[in-house]
Amino acid sequence: MSDQKKKLRKKDLPRERLAAHGAEVLRDAELLAIFLRTGRIGHHVLEVAEDLIKEWGTLRRIAGCSIEALSQIPGIGLAKAAELKAAFELGKRVAAPEQEKISIQSGEDIYHALKSSLQLLPYESLHVLLLNARGLLIEEREVFRGGLHQTMASPREIFQLAIIKRAYALAIAHNHPSGNPLPSSSDRLLTQKLLKASDCLQIPLFDHVIIGIESSSHQAYFSFREEGLLHDS
């Protein structure tokens, strides 16, 4: 019988450890166990939490899972899966800047505005950011989601939203689930199509930002504007 299956001393339970030492000392599995609350027959809740991490690898990947995918783990039904999704969503909202105060003046601003949402996803998600003449965010909306190697959003759909909302300018951002933000050939092609539409409609394309995860080999994001790959409209 594993140590996890043995009854833990009360002081070693996640809630008691959090109360005594603070949330920052808890392992990922212990934090998950607090939300899961109960295990399954023959298995402690910590063991269920560790099964969840073993299945998906990291908290970041777990946060991007659907309720249906989470509920497939033994010991996690729809109710627990929904509670986990709610907990991750609360974390995203706490980390995100308040929209009415968001000023978009650089690719880094776009990265910080969207990283808490896009870095978690196991699929590509393309978002449009509508800006006023001072660079303040009017609205941000997802316009496409798909697989790891495709971006199918059309310039028409993107600029139609800007026209409806009477935006002065727009920017787009999407994630690379691989974590490497370097643009693909399809990313570059989409940017060129958007630039042509921007010139025609006189709605500036402020930037196209690709959000990844920082590592020793690459930065956390790629900005077409910062790399000099956009012309001024």
Protein backbone atom coordinates (compact mmCIF):
# COMPACT_ATOMS: atom_id res chain seq x y z
CA MET A 1 0.00 0.00 0.00
CA SER A 2 1.39 3.42 -0.95
CA ASP A 3 1.97 6.19 1.58
CA GLN A 4 -0.80 8.17 -0.12
CA LYS A 5 -3.30 5.44 0.69
CA LYS A 6 -2.42 5.49 4.36
CA LYS A 7 -4.41 7.79 6.55
CA LEU A 8 -2.57 11.09 6.88
CA ARG A 9 -2.09 12.75 10.21
CA LYS A 10 -4.40 15.72 10.63
CA LYS A 11 -1.54 18.24 10.70
CA ASP A 12 -0.32 16.90 7.32
CA LEU A 13 -3.63 17.46 5.54
CA PRO A 14 -3.55 20.27 2.94
CA ARG A 15 -6.05 22.56 4.67
CA GLU A 16 -4.28 22.24 8.00
CA ARG A 17 -0.89 22.86 6.38
CA LEU A 18 -2.26 25.93 4.61
CA ALA A 19 -3.67 27.33 7.86
CA ALA A 20 -0.43 26.68 9.72
CA HIS A 21 2.16 27.66 7.11
CA GLY A 22 0.43 29.58 4.29
CA ALA A 23 -0.68 28.61 0.78
CA GLU A 24 2.74 29.25 -0.76
CA VAL A 25 4.28 26.18 0.95
CA LEU A 26 1.77 23.73 -0.53
CA ARG A 27 2.63 21.51 -3.48
CA ASP A 28 0.48 21.74 -6.61
CA ALA A 29 -1.28 18.49 -5.70
CA GLU A 30 -2.08 19.80 -2.22
CA LEU A 31 -3.64 22.96 -3.62
CA LEU A 32 -5.77 20.91 -6.00
CA ALA A 33 -6.78 18.59 -3.17
CA ILE A 34 -8.23 21.51 -1.21
CA PHE A 35 -10.67 22.19 -4.05
CA LEU A 36 -11.39 18.50 -4.70
CA ARG A 37 -12.07 17.94 -0.95
CA THR A 38 -12.68 14.17 -1.18
CA GLY A 39 -11.01 11.26 -2.91
CA ARG A 40 -12.48 8.07 -4.28
CA ILE A 41 -12.92 4.62 -2.76
CA GLY A 42 -9.54 3.36 -1.63
CA HIS A 43 -7.71 6.52 -2.63
CA HIS A 44 -6.97 9.67 -0.64
CA VAL A 45 -7.86 13.01 -2.22
CA LEU A 46 -4.13 13.78 -2.57
CA GLU A 47 -3.77 10.69 -4.71
CA VAL A 48 -6.61 11.85 -6.96
CA ALA A 49 -4.94 15.27 -7.25
CA GLU A 50 -1.62 13.67 -8.19
CA ASP A 51 -3.38 11.53 -10.80
CA LEU A 52 -4.69 14.76 -12.30
CA ILE A 53 -1.20 16.28 -12.48
CA LYS A 54 0.23 13.05 -13.86
CA GLU A 55 -2.39 13.07 -16.63
CA TRP A 56 -1.94 16.69 -17.72
CA GLY A 57 1.59 17.53 -16.58
CA THR A 58 1.22 21.01 -15.08
CA LEU A 59 -1.32 23.31 -13.46
CA ARG A 60 -1.13 25.45 -16.61
CA ARG A 61 -2.34 22.54 -18.75
CA ILE A 62 -4.99 21.53 -16.23
CA ALA A 63 -6.36 25.08 -16.25
CA GLY A 64 -6.81 24.88 -20.02
CA CYS A 65 -8.75 21.61 -19.90
CA SER A 66 -12.48 21.45 -20.48
CA ILE A 67 -14.88 20.33 -17.77
CA GLU A 68 -15.52 17.18 -19.79
CA ALA A 69 -11.82 16.29 -19.95
CA LEU A 70 -11.29 16.92 -16.24
CA SER A 71 -14.27 14.81 -15.27
CA GLN A 72 -12.74 11.76 -16.98
CA ILE A 73 -10.16 11.41 -14.20
CA PRO A 74 -11.39 8.79 -11.68
CA GLY A 75 -12.67 10.55 -8.58
CA ILE A 76 -13.45 13.81 -10.42
CA GLY A 77 -17.01 14.14 -11.61
CA LEU A 78 -18.71 17.07 -13.30
CA ALA A 79 -19.25 18.92 -10.03
CA LYS A 80 -15.57 18.82 -9.00
CA ALA A 81 -14.46 19.61 -12.54
CA ALA A 82 -16.71 22.69 -12.55
CA GLU A 83 -15.30 23.83 -9.21
CA LEU A 84 -11.74 23.50 -10.52
CA LYS A 85 -12.61 25.50 -13.65
CA ALA A 86 -14.17 28.20 -11.47
CA ALA A 87 -11.04 28.34 -9.29
CA PHE A 88 -8.74 28.72 -12.30
CA GLU A 89 -11.02 31.38 -13.78
CA LEU A 90 -10.90 33.37 -10.55
CA GLY A 91 -7.11 33.21 -10.70
CA LYS A 92 -7.12 34.48 -14.28
CA ARG A 93 -9.40 37.37 -13.41
CA VAL A 94 -7.29 38.39 -10.43
CA ALA A 95 -4.15 38.36 -12.60
CA ALA A 96 -5.71 40.28 -15.49
CA PRO A 97 -5.59 44.10 -15.51
CA GLU A 98 -8.90 45.88 -15.11
CA GLN A 99 -10.16 46.50 -18.63
CA GLU A 100 -11.20 50.10 -18.14
CA LYS A 101 -7.60 51.00 -17.26
CA ILE A 102 -5.78 49.06 -19.98
CA SER A 103 -3.59 51.21 -22.19
CA ILE A 104 -2.09 49.49 -25.23
CA GLN A 105 1.08 51.30 -26.24
CA SER A 106 3.37 48.36 -27.01
CA GLY A 107 3.51 44.66 -27.75
CA GLU A 108 4.49 44.13 -24.13
CA ASP A 109 1.22 45.78 -23.04
CA ILE A 110 -0.70 43.29 -25.18
CA TYR A 111 1.27 40.41 -23.74
CA HIS A 112 0.54 41.45 -20.16
CA ALA A 113 -3.15 42.03 -20.95
CA LEU A 114 -3.68 38.54 -22.37
CA LYS A 115 -1.00 36.24 -20.98
CA SER A 116 -3.12 35.03 -18.06
CA SER A 117 -5.78 33.82 -20.49
CA LEU A 118 -3.82 32.63 -23.51
CA GLN A 119 -0.80 30.97 -21.91
CA LEU A 120 -3.07 28.39 -20.29
CA LEU A 121 -4.70 27.09 -23.44
CA PRO A 122 -3.86 23.77 -25.14
CA TYR A 123 -5.19 25.11 -28.46
CA GLU A 124 -4.61 28.26 -30.51
CA SER A 125 -6.92 31.17 -29.74
CA LEU A 126 -6.88 34.41 -31.76
CA HIS A 127 -8.08 37.60 -30.09
CA VAL A 128 -8.81 41.05 -31.46
CA LEU A 129 -8.14 44.14 -29.34
CA LEU A 130 -10.09 47.24 -30.39
CA LEU A 131 -8.44 50.55 -29.49
CA ASN A 132 -9.51 54.18 -29.36
CA ALA A 133 -7.39 57.09 -30.59
CA ARG A 134 -5.48 57.22 -27.28
CA GLY A 135 -4.62 53.54 -27.38
CA LEU A 136 -7.08 52.58 -24.66
CA LEU A 137 -8.75 49.21 -24.96
CA ILE A 138 -12.38 49.42 -26.06
CA GLU A 139 -13.03 45.70 -26.29
CA GLU A 140 -11.14 42.42 -26.55
CA ARG A 141 -12.76 39.39 -28.14
CA GLU A 142 -11.82 35.88 -29.26
CA VAL A 143 -12.51 35.48 -32.99
CA PHE A 144 -11.00 32.07 -33.66
CA ARG A 145 -9.83 28.92 -31.90
CA GLY A 146 -8.31 25.85 -33.45
CA GLY A 147 -5.47 23.36 -33.60
CA LEU A 148 -1.79 23.81 -32.99
CA HIS A 149 -0.80 24.68 -36.56
CA GLN A 150 -3.69 26.57 -38.06
CA THR A 151 -5.04 30.07 -37.98
CA MET A 152 -8.17 30.41 -40.08
CA ALA A 153 -9.51 33.83 -39.05
CA SER A 154 -10.31 36.11 -41.98
CA PRO A 155 -9.33 39.79 -42.19
CA ARG A 156 -12.93 40.55 -43.13
CA GLU A 157 -14.25 39.17 -39.85
CA ILE A 158 -11.59 40.99 -37.84
CA PHE A 159 -12.06 44.41 -39.41
CA GLN A 160 -15.85 44.09 -39.48
CA LEU A 161 -15.74 44.01 -35.69
CA ALA A 162 -13.60 47.17 -35.65
CA ILE A 163 -16.05 48.95 -37.96
CA ILE A 164 -19.09 47.95 -35.88
CA LYS A 165 -17.45 49.16 -32.66
CA ARG A 166 -16.05 52.30 -34.36
CA ALA A 167 -12.53 51.52 -33.24
CA TYR A 168 -9.71 53.85 -34.23
CA ALA A 169 -7.20 50.99 -34.47
CA LEU A 170 -6.88 47.31 -33.65
CA ALA A 171 -4.32 44.73 -32.65
CA ILE A 172 -4.45 40.97 -32.74
CA ALA A 173 -2.87 38.38 -30.49
CA HIS A 174 -2.80 34.63 -30.38
CA ASN A 175 -0.98 31.92 -28.47
CA HIS A 176 1.33 29.09 -29.45
CA PRO A 177 0.53 26.13 -27.18
CA SER A 178 4.06 24.82 -27.78
CA GLY A 179 5.33 27.80 -25.79
CA ASN A 180 7.58 29.04 -28.62
CA PRO A 181 6.20 32.39 -29.88
CA LEU A 182 8.26 32.62 -33.08
CA PRO A 183 5.85 33.24 -35.99
CA SER A 184 4.99 30.51 -38.47
CA SER A 185 4.56 31.12 -42.19
CA SER A 186 0.78 31.24 -41.69
CA ASP A 187 1.22 33.85 -38.92
CA ARG A 188 3.25 36.02 -41.28
CA LEU A 189 0.74 35.54 -44.10
CA LEU A 190 -2.18 36.55 -41.88
CA THR A 191 -0.29 39.67 -40.78
CA GLN A 192 0.34 40.71 -44.38
CA LYS A 193 -3.34 40.22 -45.26
CA LEU A 194 -4.35 42.34 -42.27
CA LEU A 195 -1.91 45.08 -43.28
CA LYS A 196 -3.46 45.25 -46.75
CA ALA A 197 -6.95 45.45 -45.25
CA SER A 198 -5.73 48.09 -42.80
CA ASP A 199 -4.46 50.30 -45.62
CA CYS A 200 -7.69 49.90 -47.56
CA LEU A 201 -10.01 50.62 -44.61
CA GLN A 202 -7.79 53.24 -42.93
CA ILE A 203 -7.96 51.38 -39.63
CA PRO A 204 -4.39 50.99 -38.34
CA LEU A 205 -3.13 47.56 -37.38
CA PHE A 206 -1.21 48.42 -34.22
CA ASP A 207 0.43 45.04 -33.68
CA HIS A 208 0.25 41.28 -33.97
CA VAL A 209 1.55 39.61 -30.82
CA ILE A 210 2.18 35.89 -30.40
CA ILE A 211 2.13 34.72 -26.80
CA GLY A 212 4.27 31.83 -25.64
CA ILE A 213 6.10 30.88 -22.47
CA GLU A 214 9.51 32.29 -21.64
CA SER A 215 12.41 29.82 -21.68
CA SER A 216 16.17 29.82 -22.02
CA SER A 217 15.80 29.61 -25.81
CA HIS A 218 13.15 32.26 -26.48
CA GLN A 219 11.20 35.14 -25.00
CA ALA A 220 7.65 34.94 -23.72
CA TYR A 221 6.13 36.77 -26.67
CA PHE A 222 6.81 37.94 -30.23
CA SER A 223 5.66 41.37 -31.42
CA PHE A 224 5.58 42.07 -35.16
CA ARG A 225 5.70 45.78 -34.36
CA GLU A 226 8.70 45.55 -32.06
CA GLU A 227 10.53 43.45 -34.64
CA GLY A 228 9.95 46.11 -37.31
CA LEU A 229 7.64 43.90 -39.37
CA LEU A 230 4.72 46.36 -39.48
CA HIS A 231 4.67 49.61 -41.36
CA ASP A 232 2.97 52.70 -39.95
CA SER A 233 -0.54 53.13 -41.26
